């Protein structure tokens, strides 16, 4: 994930419009959620809505920065 997010961050911040950046971040977050949990039906919809609200509140660039910091700290430990 670290290599993917680093590449994604560099491309996102330079080339893609905000709406596409949000879509890519949402997809990556959803993949992480799906790796741990299996949500179906209404719960799946609620998870998507929650992801959207978090992205709106925090912002795409800050989410990418948080991921970068997390990966950096994780590598040092």
Protein backbone atom coordinates (compact mmCIF):
# COMPACT_ATOMS: atom_id res chain seq x y z
CA UNK A 1 0.00 0.00 0.00
CA UNK A 2 2.82 2.44 0.78
CA UNK A 3 4.24 2.35 -2.73
CA UNK A 4 0.80 2.67 -4.26
CA UNK A 5 -0.17 5.63 -2.10
CA UNK A 6 3.11 7.43 -2.77
CA UNK A 7 2.62 7.08 -6.50
CA UNK A 8 -1.05 7.95 -6.25
CA UNK A 9 -0.29 11.06 -4.17
CA UNK A 10 2.24 12.39 -6.66
CA UNK A 11 -0.07 11.85 -9.63
CA UNK A 12 -3.18 13.09 -7.86
CA UNK A 13 -1.75 16.34 -6.64
CA UNK A 14 -0.26 17.28 -10.01
CA UNK A 15 -2.60 16.01 -12.70
CA UNK A 16 -6.08 15.01 -11.68
CA UNK A 17 -9.08 17.18 -10.82
CA UNK A 18 -10.41 17.14 -7.25
CA UNK A 19 -13.43 14.95 -8.05
CA UNK A 20 -11.27 12.24 -9.57
CA UNK A 21 -8.84 12.47 -6.66
CA UNK A 22 -11.73 11.91 -4.28
CA UNK A 23 -12.93 8.92 -6.27
CA UNK A 24 -9.50 7.26 -6.18
CA UNK A 25 -9.05 7.88 -2.46
CA UNK A 26 -12.54 6.52 -1.79
CA UNK A 27 -11.75 3.37 -3.78
CA UNK A 28 -8.50 2.82 -1.85
CA UNK A 29 -10.23 3.35 1.51
CA UNK A 30 -13.02 0.99 0.51
CA UNK A 31 -10.46 -1.68 -0.41
CA UNK A 32 -8.90 -1.37 3.06
CA UNK A 33 -12.30 -1.64 4.74
CA UNK A 34 -13.26 -4.64 2.60
CA UNK A 35 -10.04 -6.44 3.56
CA UNK A 36 -11.14 -6.44 7.22
CA UNK A 37 -14.93 -6.52 7.05
CA UNK A 38 -17.67 -7.80 4.78
CA UNK A 39 -20.59 -5.40 4.56
CA UNK A 40 -23.64 -6.14 2.46
CA UNK A 41 -26.78 -4.30 1.47
CA UNK A 42 -27.68 -1.31 3.60
CA UNK A 43 -24.51 -1.56 5.70
CA UNK A 44 -22.42 -1.33 2.54
CA UNK A 45 -24.27 1.83 1.53
CA UNK A 46 -23.77 3.31 4.99
CA UNK A 47 -20.03 2.56 4.84
CA UNK A 48 -19.82 4.36 1.49
CA UNK A 49 -21.67 7.35 2.93
CA UNK A 50 -19.36 7.43 5.94
CA UNK A 51 -16.29 7.31 3.69
CA UNK A 52 -17.72 10.22 1.66
CA UNK A 53 -18.34 12.29 4.80
CA UNK A 54 -14.83 11.68 6.12
CA UNK A 55 -13.26 12.60 2.78
CA UNK A 56 -15.37 15.78 2.62
CA UNK A 57 -14.50 16.77 6.20
CA UNK A 58 -10.76 16.02 6.07
CA UNK A 59 -10.02 16.60 2.39
CA UNK A 60 -8.18 14.50 -0.18
CA UNK A 61 -4.79 16.16 0.22
CA UNK A 62 -4.84 15.82 4.00
CA UNK A 63 -5.82 12.15 3.76
CA UNK A 64 -2.91 11.52 1.43
CA UNK A 65 -0.58 13.42 3.76
CA UNK A 66 -1.80 11.39 6.75
CA UNK A 67 -1.20 8.17 4.82
CA UNK A 68 2.31 9.30 3.92
CA UNK A 69 3.12 10.17 7.55
CA UNK A 70 1.66 6.87 8.76
CA UNK A 71 3.74 4.85 6.30
CA UNK A 72 6.88 6.80 7.23
CA UNK A 73 6.38 6.16 10.96
CA UNK A 74 5.51 2.52 10.30
CA UNK A 75 8.76 1.99 8.36
CA UNK A 76 10.84 3.49 11.19
CA UNK A 77 9.34 1.14 13.80
